[in-house]
Amino acid sequence: MDIILSMAFIFTLLILSIINKIFIGYPLFAALFIFAFLALKRGYYIKDVLKMIFEGGKKSFIVLQVFSLIGILTSLWISAGTIPAIVYYGIKFMNPDFFIIYTFLIVSFVSLLLGTSFGTASTIGVAIIVMAKSSDINLAIVTGAIMSGAYFGDRCSPMSSSAILVANLTETDLYTNIKNMFKTGMFPLILSCIFYFILSFDNPIVFTNENIGGSMKEVFNVGLVSLVPAIIILIASLLKINVKKSMSISIISAAFISFLVQNYTILDILNFSVFGFKLENSVKIGNILNRGGIVSMFKAGIVVFISCALAGIFNRTRMLEKFQSISLRSNNRFQLFLCTTIASILTGVFGCSQTISVVLTEQFLKDAYSKLNYTREKLAIDLENTAIVIAPLIPWNIAAFVPTETLKVNFYSYIPYAFYLYLLPISSFLVFKFQNSKLKVKENIV
């Protein structure tokens, strides 16, 4: 009972922080303190709880390395003229009447190549949001299209760490899972395209600063050489090079171009890498380009560390294990999928990480799927259609917080427009509900 009350209290704090625009790290720290107290209450010693927090927290260090790369990549892609060049050519060649649908399709394509939502958001996502911020278009819709597209590839790319994680946890074949993902995801994908196509007509991009492209060209050399860092990322993804390695190579190339082509000094480049890109002499575009740097990922880093520390407590104390006994009462696929969805929401809300959500949900549900003789592939696809796409719909979850922090946009207003993310679980829910109803009708006839 104390766990339920604590969760209700923490959830209230999280919602209040969103309403009042308070940094989400504060309620998460309160959650860490509360669950640490509950662990002490269950007989664990202080040194044991501290060890849980440390063991969980240190798992965030690998993620923090990626965050540092994202911060550096974002700032140096700007200083190298890569993002300005994408914006310049995008304004020049993109039909403004179809900006929203273009956003979803382009981001989906890039995320499918990169296999990472964070990498997608920090590259093509930033370029698109810069274009959007130089106009009067609804940023919530654009962000929703970016988030949907980013997690399209994060879910079903062979390069995706989340897809590999699900395959490893469920002991299934990655490419069989991808095949199933495309089957179950086709209808939500088409429906999302229709919605974004309709929204494009009502929300054409109209630049408030007519000369935004010209301003980019005045400040930066936006020739093809500036696109080299982006081309490197795309080629590296086709060659299946590790994302961290490809980002590092792209950063190095961007640093050289910043120095040789854009005429920034080595000291400038180092400063941009740490503190973010700053364009002091151009008010026109400075307010939309000034971003990136390792420091910009500080808040996201705090959220990640606390989330991993919470996971350390959950794993050792097994506080959430009671949900497993509830899932074992399921009698069919529909009930199992409903349990999987609920588990994904709970672990996404309180675990604050897509990875934690996947791991805990798989632990809770694997015995229930086995009990009903469902294959591991069915568990895998249900995880892909719930935990993977529900996490980025929770504003304080790392899956949502990091991309929106990178894009420097509101971290929850995009949710109604992230169609692909919630159409996936809804469509699966309706399919299993229909199948279950048909089965009951057959049983009644017999």
Foldseek 3Di string as FASTA:
>chain_A
DLVVVLLVVLLVVQVVCLVVVHQNLVSLVVSLVSLLVVVVVVPDDNVRLVVLLVVLLVVCPVVLLVLLLLQLLLQLLVLLLQLLLCLLVCVVPPDLLQLQLCLLVVLLVLLLLLLALLNSLSHVVLSSLLLQVQFPFDSLLSVLSNLLSNLNNVLQHPLHPVLVLLCVLLVHDSVVLNVVLCVLQVVLVVVLSVVSRVVSNVTGTDGPPPCSSVVSVVQFVSDPLSNVLVVQSNVCSVVSHRSVVSSVVSSVSSLVSSCPGNPDDPVQSVCCSAPNHADPPDPSSRVSSTGGHSVLCVSLSSLSSSLSSQLSSCVVVVPVLVLLVVLLPDDDPLSNLVSLQVQLLSCLQSSLELSSSLNVSCVSRVVSCVVNPHRSSSVSNSSSLHSSLVNLQHLSRSSQVSSCSSSVHSRHSNNVNNSSSPVSSVSVSVVRVVVVVVVVVVVVVD
